[in-house]
Amino acid sequence: MGEIGRISVYDALGGGAVADTLLWRKCYGGVVLLIGSTFTWFLFERAGYSFLAFITNSLLLLAVILFFWAKSASILNRPLPPIPDLDISEESVLIAADEMRVWINNALATIHEIAVDGNLRILILVAFGLWLISYIGSLFNFCTLIYIGVLLSLSVPFLYDTFQDQVDEKLIVVHKNMNTLLKKADLILENIPMSQKKQKKTE
């Protein structure tokens, strides 16, 4: 596979600190994320610590530390705690809202395909996806799923970036096979009666 059309994993991840962490280009960030997520998972999953108690106790400890830090700083003429100005910019809100709008529009388009157009193929894909999510969710609790997601995010991008040529060759074969199966499925679905509204459109 040539370099033409080759997708840079680093650029696909947005570059910057996130890409450096997920691709282990800066080991410090990856190690901190791995150790922190492992400690959090062990704390909630194995030690039986509740999430709400952990958050409240952590905030309480942070508030006490900051309070005594500020008091001692004024007495000993030391610098105050390095607390940044916590302010969400309008640009970040607009970016987040735009991303949410895309997701919501895609969901509404899918619902329209199922409820109005009677698209059986979309219904089957959605039903299979929801069943798969439900099945995976029945095997693990939410905390474990989050931890698995962190482990995958720290391993899959790195492995793909390392073995991108070999993986792309396999994905091309899988893509061709999937297209063949989807064409066969479309031929089968064409023999299934469409919804009345769909039939009126074709008349």
Protein backbone atom coordinates (compact mmCIF):
# COMPACT_ATOMS: atom_id res chain seq x y z
CA MET A 1 0.00 0.00 0.00
CA GLY A 2 1.51 3.30 -1.08
CA GLU A 3 1.84 6.53 0.74
CA ILE A 4 -0.88 8.14 -1.41
CA GLY A 5 -4.03 8.47 0.64
CA ARG A 6 -2.27 7.29 3.78
CA ILE A 7 -4.01 8.58 6.89
CA SER A 8 -1.79 9.97 9.62
CA VAL A 9 -2.96 8.61 12.95
CA TYR A 10 -1.40 11.58 14.71
CA ASP A 11 -3.39 14.05 12.58
CA ALA A 12 -6.57 11.95 12.87
CA LEU A 13 -6.35 12.24 16.65
CA GLY A 14 -6.15 16.02 16.40
CA GLY A 15 -2.44 16.32 17.15
CA GLY A 16 -1.20 18.03 20.28
CA ALA A 17 -1.20 16.58 23.78
CA VAL A 18 -4.05 14.11 23.18
CA ALA A 19 -2.33 12.48 20.22
CA ASP A 20 1.02 12.46 22.04
CA THR A 21 -0.58 10.67 24.98
CA LEU A 22 -2.55 8.07 23.00
CA LEU A 23 0.41 7.29 20.73
CA TRP A 24 2.86 7.20 23.67
CA ARG A 25 5.06 9.89 22.14
CA LYS A 26 5.18 11.47 25.58
CA CYS A 27 5.27 8.52 27.93
CA TYR A 28 4.54 10.68 30.98
CA GLY A 29 0.96 11.40 29.91
CA GLY A 30 0.26 7.78 28.99
CA VAL A 31 1.72 6.45 32.24
CA VAL A 32 -0.25 8.95 34.34
CA LEU A 33 -3.49 8.10 32.51
CA LEU A 34 -2.90 4.36 32.80
CA ILE A 35 -1.98 4.45 36.49
CA GLY A 36 -4.79 6.88 37.33
CA SER A 37 -7.45 4.85 35.51
CA THR A 38 -6.18 1.59 37.02
CA PHE A 39 -6.23 3.07 40.52
CA THR A 40 -9.72 4.48 39.99
CA TRP A 41 -11.03 1.18 38.63
CA PHE A 42 -9.51 -0.77 41.53
CA LEU A 43 -10.92 1.73 44.02
CA PHE A 44 -14.47 1.46 42.72
CA GLU A 45 -14.56 -2.13 41.45
CA ARG A 46 -12.47 -4.02 44.00
CA ALA A 47 -12.39 -1.87 47.11
CA GLY A 48 -16.13 -1.15 46.94
CA TYR A 49 -15.72 2.61 47.23
CA SER A 50 -18.72 4.53 45.92
CA PHE A 51 -18.27 7.16 43.23
CA LEU A 52 -20.24 9.84 45.09
CA ALA A 53 -18.26 9.34 48.31
CA PHE A 54 -14.99 9.50 46.35
CA ILE A 55 -15.96 12.78 44.64
CA THR A 56 -17.18 14.47 47.82
CA ASN A 57 -14.18 13.37 49.89
CA SER A 58 -11.76 14.46 47.16
CA LEU A 59 -13.42 17.87 46.90
CA LEU A 60 -13.41 18.22 50.68
CA LEU A 61 -9.70 17.38 50.84
CA LEU A 62 -8.95 19.80 47.99
CA ALA A 63 -10.91 22.61 49.64
CA VAL A 64 -9.11 22.10 52.97
CA ILE A 65 -5.68 22.05 51.28
CA LEU A 66 -6.41 25.21 49.30
CA PHE A 67 -7.76 26.98 52.38
CA PHE A 68 -4.68 26.28 54.53
CA TRP A 69 -2.41 27.02 51.56
CA ALA A 70 -3.99 30.44 51.11
CA LYS A 71 -3.81 31.19 54.86
CA SER A 72 -0.17 30.12 55.16
CA ALA A 73 0.72 32.07 52.01
CA SER A 74 -0.58 35.33 53.50
CA ILE A 75 1.29 34.73 56.78
CA LEU A 76 4.60 33.53 55.28
CA ASN A 77 4.50 35.85 52.25
CA ARG A 78 4.40 32.87 49.91
CA PRO A 79 2.60 32.73 46.53
CA LEU A 80 -1.08 31.86 46.51
CA PRO A 81 -2.33 28.54 45.09
CA PRO A 82 -1.90 28.48 41.28
CA ILE A 83 -5.61 28.38 40.51
CA PRO A 84 -6.32 29.40 36.90
CA ASP A 85 -9.29 31.51 35.91
CA LEU A 86 -11.99 28.91 35.40
CA ASP A 87 -13.98 30.29 32.50
CA ILE A 88 -15.56 28.46 29.58
CA SER A 89 -15.10 30.44 26.40
CA GLU A 90 -17.96 31.05 24.00
CA GLU A 91 -15.94 29.43 21.22
CA SER A 92 -15.61 26.13 23.11
CA VAL A 93 -19.34 26.13 23.84
CA LEU A 94 -20.13 26.69 20.15
CA ILE A 95 -17.78 23.89 19.12
CA ALA A 96 -19.37 21.48 21.60
CA ALA A 97 -22.88 22.53 20.52
CA ASP A 98 -21.97 22.03 16.86
CA GLU A 99 -20.66 18.53 17.57
CA MET A 100 -23.82 17.68 19.50
CA ARG A 101 -25.94 19.02 16.64
CA VAL A 102 -24.24 16.63 14.21
CA TRP A 103 -24.88 13.65 16.49
CA ILE A 104 -28.50 14.63 17.09
CA ASN A 105 -29.16 15.19 13.38
CA ASN A 106 -27.69 11.77 12.57
CA ALA A 107 -29.91 10.16 15.20
CA LEU A 108 -32.99 11.96 13.89
CA ALA A 109 -32.13 10.95 10.32
CA THR A 110 -31.87 7.33 11.44
CA ILE A 111 -35.24 7.54 13.20
CA HIS A 112 -36.73 9.08 10.05
CA GLU A 113 -35.35 6.25 7.92
CA ILE A 114 -36.97 3.67 10.20
CA ALA A 115 -40.28 5.33 11.11
CA VAL A 116 -41.13 7.21 7.89
CA ASP A 117 -39.28 5.49 5.05
CA GLY A 118 -39.60 2.00 6.52
CA ASN A 119 -35.95 1.18 5.83
CA LEU A 120 -35.61 -2.42 6.99
CA ARG A 121 -31.84 -2.45 6.53
CA ILE A 122 -31.35 0.50 8.91
CA LEU A 123 -33.72 -1.13 11.40
CA ILE A 124 -31.70 -4.36 11.36
CA LEU A 125 -28.40 -2.48 11.79
CA VAL A 126 -29.78 -0.37 14.65
CA ALA A 127 -31.33 -3.39 16.36
CA PHE A 128 -28.07 -5.34 16.08
CA GLY A 129 -26.04 -2.39 17.40
CA LEU A 130 -28.34 -1.86 20.38
CA TRP A 131 -28.39 -5.58 21.14
CA LEU A 132 -24.58 -5.70 21.00
CA ILE A 133 -24.28 -2.73 23.38
CA SER A 134 -26.81 -4.32 25.73
CA TYR A 135 -24.97 -7.64 25.64
CA ILE A 136 -21.60 -6.05 26.38
CA GLY A 137 -23.19 -3.96 29.14
CA SER A 138 -24.56 -7.11 30.76
CA LEU A 139 -21.05 -8.56 30.98
CA PHE A 140 -19.39 -5.54 32.62
CA ASN A 141 -20.51 -2.70 34.82
CA PHE A 142 -20.15 0.94 33.77
CA CYS A 143 -16.88 1.53 35.63
CA THR A 144 -15.26 -1.52 34.02
CA LEU A 145 -16.46 -0.42 30.57
CA ILE A 146 -14.87 3.00 31.10
CA TYR A 147 -11.62 1.33 32.17
CA ILE A 148 -11.66 -0.98 29.14
CA GLY A 149 -12.24 2.07 26.94
CA VAL A 150 -9.18 3.78 28.45
CA LEU A 151 -7.04 0.67 27.90
CA LEU A 152 -8.22 0.41 24.29
CA SER A 153 -7.56 4.10 23.68
CA LEU A 154 -4.00 3.67 24.96
CA SER A 155 -3.32 0.54 22.88
CA VAL A 156 -5.34 0.52 19.63
CA PRO A 157 -4.09 3.87 18.19
CA PHE A 158 -0.48 2.98 19.07
CA LEU A 159 -0.72 -0.48 17.52
CA TYR A 160 -2.46 0.86 14.41
CA ASP A 161 0.16 3.57 14.00
CA THR A 162 2.91 0.95 14.30
CA PHE A 163 1.36 -1.63 11.95
CA GLN A 164 -0.74 0.65 9.76
CA ASP A 165 0.24 -0.89 6.39
CA GLN A 166 -0.56 -4.44 7.46
CA VAL A 167 -3.83 -3.43 9.13
CA ASP A 168 -4.95 -1.39 6.12
CA GLU A 169 -4.42 -4.39 3.83
CA LYS A 170 -6.64 -6.54 6.07
CA LEU A 171 -9.25 -3.78 6.33
CA ILE A 172 -9.45 -3.52 2.53
CA VAL A 173 -10.21 -7.25 2.31
CA VAL A 174 -12.81 -6.98 5.09
CA HIS A 175 -14.37 -3.95 3.39
CA LYS A 176 -14.70 -5.82 0.09
CA ASN A 177 -16.29 -8.81 1.83
CA MET A 178 -18.70 -6.57 3.71
CA ASN A 179 -19.72 -4.82 0.49
CA THR A 180 -20.41 -8.21 -1.08
CA LEU A 181 -22.55 -9.28 1.90
CA LEU A 182 -24.43 -5.96 1.90
CA LYS A 183 -25.18 -6.29 -1.82
CA LYS A 184 -26.57 -9.77 -1.22
CA ALA A 185 -28.60 -8.44 1.72
CA ASP A 186 -29.97 -5.63 -0.46
CA LEU A 187 -31.10 -8.18 -3.04
CA ILE A 188 -32.93 -10.09 -0.32
CA LEU A 189 -34.48 -6.93 1.15
CA GLU A 190 -35.72 -5.88 -2.29
CA ASN A 191 -38.05 -8.88 -2.26
CA ILE A 192 -39.56 -7.79 1.05
CA PRO A 193 -42.67 -5.55 0.68
CA MET A 194 -41.91 -1.90 1.41
CA SER A 195 -44.01 0.38 3.55
CA GLN A 196 -47.17 1.83 2.03
CA LYS A 197 -45.64 5.29 1.90
CA LYS A 198 -42.62 3.96 0.09
CA GLN A 199 -44.84 2.18 -2.40
CA LYS A 200 -46.81 5.36 -3.09
CA LYS A 201 -43.58 7.20 -3.83
CA THR A 202 -42.50 4.56 -6.37
CA GLU A 203 -45.86 4.49 -8.16
